[in-house]
Amino acid sequence: MDFDENDKSYVVRLESGDTLLVRRFGTGEDIPLDSLNLQLTGDTVAFNSRGVADLSGTGSSLGVASFASGDAIYDVSFTVMGASRVESR
């Protein structure tokens, strides 16, 4: 899963490089975001064949993604198994 912070989008790809999904946010989209930030090296998170995320670049057991729309900013913390918690700043 690759996040493009400038384009406010993400792409889900197979290890082979085949694209499964492209999702865009921002002006004129279903979810109007001003910014998104996956706080991982390269703005990429990889999953193994069992669906477990590789968060080794985080230095902790949690990954974090931040989303902003106007004055609303949300931080989503997630584990390797996908459990998550959303916090408003």
N, C-alpha and C. Protein backbone atom coordinates (compact mmCIF):
# COMPACT_ATOMS: atom_id res chain seq x y z
N MET A 1 0.86 -1.15 0.00
CA MET A 1 0.00 0.00 0.00
C MET A 1 0.91 1.22 0.00
N ASP A 2 0.78 2.04 -1.04
CA ASP A 2 1.59 3.24 -1.17
C ASP A 2 0.71 4.47 -1.04
N PHE A 3 1.10 5.39 -0.14
CA PHE A 3 0.38 6.64 0.04
C PHE A 3 1.09 7.74 -0.71
N ASP A 4 0.35 8.55 -1.44
CA ASP A 4 0.89 9.71 -2.13
C ASP A 4 0.34 10.94 -1.43
N GLU A 5 1.17 11.55 -0.58
CA GLU A 5 0.71 12.66 0.24
C GLU A 5 0.39 13.90 -0.59
N ASN A 6 1.11 14.13 -1.69
CA ASN A 6 0.85 15.30 -2.52
C ASN A 6 -0.46 15.16 -3.29
N ASP A 7 -0.73 13.96 -3.80
CA ASP A 7 -1.94 13.69 -4.58
C ASP A 7 -3.13 13.31 -3.71
N LYS A 8 -2.87 13.14 -2.39
CA LYS A 8 -3.90 12.72 -1.44
C LYS A 8 -4.60 11.46 -1.93
N SER A 9 -3.79 10.42 -2.15
CA SER A 9 -4.33 9.16 -2.65
C SER A 9 -3.51 8.00 -2.11
N TYR A 10 -4.04 6.79 -2.29
CA TYR A 10 -3.25 5.60 -2.01
C TYR A 10 -3.53 4.54 -3.06
N VAL A 11 -2.56 3.64 -3.22
CA VAL A 11 -2.63 2.57 -4.19
C VAL A 11 -2.35 1.26 -3.47
N VAL A 12 -3.16 0.24 -3.73
CA VAL A 12 -2.92 -1.10 -3.19
C VAL A 12 -2.43 -1.95 -4.35
N ARG A 13 -1.22 -2.53 -4.17
CA ARG A 13 -0.61 -3.34 -5.21
C ARG A 13 -0.23 -4.72 -4.67
N LEU A 14 -0.25 -5.70 -5.57
CA LEU A 14 0.28 -7.01 -5.24
C LEU A 14 1.80 -6.96 -5.32
N GLU A 15 2.45 -7.94 -4.74
CA GLU A 15 3.90 -8.02 -4.80
C GLU A 15 4.39 -8.06 -6.25
N SER A 16 3.58 -8.58 -7.15
CA SER A 16 3.93 -8.63 -8.58
C SER A 16 3.91 -7.25 -9.23
N GLY A 17 3.33 -6.26 -8.55
CA GLY A 17 3.23 -4.92 -9.10
C GLY A 17 1.86 -4.61 -9.68
N ASP A 18 0.99 -5.62 -9.80
CA ASP A 18 -0.36 -5.40 -10.32
C ASP A 18 -1.16 -4.53 -9.34
N THR A 19 -1.84 -3.51 -9.85
CA THR A 19 -2.64 -2.60 -9.03
C THR A 19 -4.02 -3.19 -8.78
N LEU A 20 -4.41 -3.23 -7.51
CA LEU A 20 -5.73 -3.72 -7.12
C LEU A 20 -6.72 -2.58 -6.91
N LEU A 21 -6.23 -1.44 -6.39
CA LEU A 21 -7.14 -0.36 -6.00
C LEU A 21 -6.38 0.96 -5.99
N VAL A 22 -7.03 2.00 -6.47
CA VAL A 22 -6.53 3.37 -6.33
C VAL A 22 -7.64 4.17 -5.69
N ARG A 23 -7.33 4.88 -4.62
CA ARG A 23 -8.34 5.69 -3.92
C ARG A 23 -7.81 7.11 -3.78
N ARG A 24 -8.59 8.10 -4.24
CA ARG A 24 -8.18 9.50 -4.17
C ARG A 24 -9.10 10.26 -3.22
N PHE A 25 -8.51 11.21 -2.53
CA PHE A 25 -9.23 12.08 -1.61
C PHE A 25 -8.93 13.52 -2.00
N GLY A 26 -9.63 14.47 -1.43
CA GLY A 26 -9.31 15.87 -1.70
C GLY A 26 -10.46 16.59 -2.37
N THR A 27 -10.16 17.78 -2.88
CA THR A 27 -11.16 18.64 -3.50
C THR A 27 -11.90 17.89 -4.60
N GLY A 28 -13.22 17.90 -4.53
CA GLY A 28 -14.04 17.27 -5.54
C GLY A 28 -14.17 15.76 -5.40
N GLU A 29 -13.60 15.17 -4.37
CA GLU A 29 -13.67 13.73 -4.17
C GLU A 29 -14.71 13.40 -3.11
N ASP A 30 -15.01 12.10 -2.95
CA ASP A 30 -16.00 11.65 -1.97
C ASP A 30 -15.65 12.08 -0.55
N ILE A 31 -14.37 12.02 -0.21
CA ILE A 31 -13.90 12.42 1.11
C ILE A 31 -12.91 13.55 0.91
N PRO A 32 -13.30 14.80 1.19
CA PRO A 32 -12.42 15.95 0.92
C PRO A 32 -11.36 16.14 2.00
N LEU A 33 -10.18 15.60 1.79
CA LEU A 33 -9.09 15.75 2.74
C LEU A 33 -8.15 16.87 2.30
N ASP A 34 -7.64 17.61 3.27
CA ASP A 34 -6.62 18.62 2.99
C ASP A 34 -5.24 17.99 3.00
N SER A 35 -5.07 16.95 3.80
CA SER A 35 -3.78 16.26 3.85
C SER A 35 -3.95 14.86 4.40
N LEU A 36 -3.01 13.99 4.05
CA LEU A 36 -2.89 12.68 4.66
C LEU A 36 -1.42 12.36 4.78
N ASN A 37 -1.06 11.66 5.83
CA ASN A 37 0.35 11.37 6.09
C ASN A 37 0.47 10.00 6.74
N LEU A 38 1.01 9.05 6.00
CA LEU A 38 1.34 7.76 6.59
C LEU A 38 2.75 7.91 7.15
N GLN A 39 2.87 7.85 8.45
CA GLN A 39 4.14 8.15 9.09
C GLN A 39 5.06 6.94 9.11
N LEU A 40 5.30 6.38 7.91
CA LEU A 40 6.24 5.26 7.72
C LEU A 40 7.22 5.65 6.63
N THR A 41 8.42 5.11 6.69
CA THR A 41 9.44 5.38 5.69
C THR A 41 8.91 5.09 4.30
N GLY A 42 9.03 6.07 3.42
CA GLY A 42 8.57 5.89 2.04
C GLY A 42 7.07 5.95 1.88
N ASP A 43 6.35 6.25 2.96
CA ASP A 43 4.88 6.30 2.91
C ASP A 43 4.29 5.02 2.34
N THR A 44 4.89 3.90 2.73
CA THR A 44 4.48 2.59 2.22
C THR A 44 4.36 1.61 3.37
N VAL A 45 3.33 0.79 3.35
CA VAL A 45 3.21 -0.31 4.30
C VAL A 45 2.98 -1.59 3.49
N ALA A 46 3.75 -2.62 3.82
CA ALA A 46 3.65 -3.91 3.11
C ALA A 46 3.02 -4.94 4.04
N PHE A 47 2.27 -5.86 3.43
CA PHE A 47 1.62 -6.93 4.18
C PHE A 47 2.12 -8.26 3.64
N ASN A 48 2.31 -9.24 4.52
CA ASN A 48 2.72 -10.56 4.06
C ASN A 48 1.49 -11.35 3.59
N SER A 49 1.70 -12.58 3.17
CA SER A 49 0.61 -13.39 2.61
C SER A 49 -0.49 -13.70 3.63
N ARG A 50 -0.19 -13.51 4.91
CA ARG A 50 -1.20 -13.73 5.96
C ARG A 50 -1.91 -12.44 6.36
N GLY A 51 -1.57 -11.32 5.68
CA GLY A 51 -2.22 -10.05 5.97
C GLY A 51 -1.62 -9.29 7.13
N VAL A 52 -0.41 -9.67 7.56
CA VAL A 52 0.26 -9.00 8.68
C VAL A 52 1.14 -7.88 8.12
N ALA A 53 0.96 -6.68 8.67
CA ALA A 53 1.71 -5.52 8.20
C ALA A 53 3.15 -5.53 8.71
N ASP A 54 4.06 -5.03 7.88
CA ASP A 54 5.46 -4.85 8.28
C ASP A 54 5.62 -3.43 8.82
N LEU A 55 5.71 -3.29 10.13
CA LEU A 55 5.87 -1.99 10.76
C LEU A 55 7.27 -1.80 11.31
N SER A 56 8.24 -2.54 10.78
CA SER A 56 9.60 -2.49 11.30
C SER A 56 10.21 -1.09 11.17
N GLY A 57 9.75 -0.27 10.21
CA GLY A 57 10.29 1.08 10.04
C GLY A 57 9.77 2.09 11.03
N THR A 58 8.83 1.70 11.90
CA THR A 58 8.23 2.66 12.83
C THR A 58 9.02 2.79 14.12
N GLY A 59 9.82 1.79 14.46
CA GLY A 59 10.52 1.81 15.74
C GLY A 59 9.61 1.48 16.90
N SER A 60 8.36 1.08 16.61
CA SER A 60 7.42 0.68 17.67
C SER A 60 6.49 -0.38 17.11
N SER A 61 5.53 -0.78 17.91
CA SER A 61 4.57 -1.79 17.47
C SER A 61 3.36 -1.18 16.79
N LEU A 62 3.36 0.16 16.62
CA LEU A 62 2.23 0.85 16.01
C LEU A 62 2.65 1.62 14.77
N GLY A 63 1.76 1.63 13.79
CA GLY A 63 1.89 2.54 12.67
C GLY A 63 0.93 3.68 12.91
N VAL A 64 1.18 4.83 12.29
CA VAL A 64 0.32 5.99 12.47
C VAL A 64 0.05 6.63 11.12
N ALA A 65 -1.20 6.99 10.88
CA ALA A 65 -1.58 7.77 9.72
C ALA A 65 -2.37 8.97 10.22
N SER A 66 -2.12 10.14 9.64
CA SER A 66 -2.83 11.35 10.02
C SER A 66 -3.63 11.85 8.85
N PHE A 67 -4.85 12.32 9.13
CA PHE A 67 -5.76 12.83 8.11
C PHE A 67 -6.28 14.18 8.58
N ALA A 68 -6.33 15.15 7.67
CA ALA A 68 -6.84 16.48 8.02
C ALA A 68 -7.86 16.93 7.00
N SER A 69 -8.94 17.51 7.50
CA SER A 69 -9.97 18.11 6.66
C SER A 69 -10.43 19.36 7.38
N GLY A 70 -10.06 20.51 6.84
CA GLY A 70 -10.36 21.77 7.52
C GLY A 70 -9.68 21.80 8.87
N ASP A 71 -10.44 22.13 9.91
CA ASP A 71 -9.89 22.20 11.26
C ASP A 71 -9.82 20.84 11.95
N ALA A 72 -10.40 19.81 11.34
CA ALA A 72 -10.42 18.47 11.95
C ALA A 72 -9.17 17.70 11.55
N ILE A 73 -8.43 17.22 12.54
CA ILE A 73 -7.24 16.39 12.31
C ILE A 73 -7.38 15.11 13.12
N TYR A 74 -7.18 13.99 12.46
CA TYR A 74 -7.30 12.68 13.11
C TYR A 74 -6.02 11.90 12.94
N ASP A 75 -5.58 11.25 14.03
CA ASP A 75 -4.46 10.33 13.99
C ASP A 75 -5.02 8.92 14.18
N VAL A 76 -4.68 8.04 13.26
CA VAL A 76 -5.11 6.65 13.34
C VAL A 76 -3.88 5.80 13.65
N SER A 77 -3.86 5.19 14.82
CA SER A 77 -2.78 4.27 15.21
C SER A 77 -3.25 2.86 14.91
N PHE A 78 -2.37 2.05 14.32
CA PHE A 78 -2.77 0.69 13.97
C PHE A 78 -1.65 -0.29 14.25
N THR A 79 -2.05 -1.53 14.56
CA THR A 79 -1.10 -2.59 14.86
C THR A 79 -0.84 -3.41 13.59
N VAL A 80 0.09 -4.36 13.68
CA VAL A 80 0.41 -5.21 12.53
C VAL A 80 -0.79 -6.03 12.08
N MET A 81 -1.72 -6.31 12.98
CA MET A 81 -2.91 -7.11 12.64
C MET A 81 -4.08 -6.25 12.20
N GLY A 82 -3.92 -4.92 12.18
CA GLY A 82 -4.97 -4.05 11.68
C GLY A 82 -5.88 -3.45 12.74
N ALA A 83 -5.69 -3.83 14.01
CA ALA A 83 -6.48 -3.18 15.06
C ALA A 83 -6.10 -1.71 15.08
N SER A 84 -7.07 -0.82 15.27
CA SER A 84 -6.76 0.59 15.19
C SER A 84 -7.49 1.41 16.24
N ARG A 85 -6.96 2.62 16.43
CA ARG A 85 -7.58 3.59 17.34
C ARG A 85 -7.51 4.95 16.66
N VAL A 86 -8.60 5.68 16.66
CA VAL A 86 -8.66 7.01 16.04
C VAL A 86 -8.72 8.05 17.15
N GLU A 87 -7.84 9.06 17.04
CA GLU A 87 -7.83 10.14 18.01
C GLU A 87 -7.92 11.46 17.26
N SER A 88 -8.73 12.37 17.80
CA SER A 88 -8.87 13.70 17.25
C SER A 88 -7.89 14.63 17.96
N ARG A 89 -7.23 15.47 17.20
CA ARG A 89 -6.32 16.45 17.83
C ARG A 89 -7.06 17.70 18.22
